[in-house]
Amino acid sequence: MLKKLKKKLLQQWKDLLRKKLIA
């Protein structure tokens, strides 16, 4: 369960970073 949560958080972080980089 923890691994899944970590993966989810990582994905959200990557998304955020991408948006910030693009913006």
Protein backbone atom coordinates (compact mmCIF):
# COMPACT_ATOMS: atom_id res chain seq x y z
CA MET A 1 0.00 0.00 0.00
CA LEU A 2 2.74 2.43 0.94
CA LYS A 3 4.56 1.74 -2.31
CA LYS A 4 1.43 2.53 -4.29
CA LEU A 5 0.96 5.78 -2.41
CA LYS A 6 4.58 6.73 -2.99
CA LYS A 7 4.21 6.05 -6.70
CA LYS A 8 1.06 8.15 -6.82
CA LEU A 9 2.79 11.04 -5.06
CA LEU A 10 5.77 10.77 -7.37
CA GLN A 11 3.50 10.93 -10.39
CA GLN A 12 1.76 14.02 -9.03
CA TRP A 13 5.12 15.65 -8.36
CA LYS A 14 6.32 14.97 -11.89
CA ASP A 15 3.10 16.45 -13.23
CA LEU A 16 3.53 19.55 -11.07
CA LEU A 17 7.15 19.99 -12.10
CA ARG A 18 6.24 19.61 -15.77
CA LYS A 19 3.52 22.24 -15.46
CA LYS A 20 5.88 24.58 -13.65
CA LEU A 21 8.58 24.07 -16.26
CA ILE A 22 6.13 24.71 -19.09
CA ALA A 23 4.55 27.71 -17.39
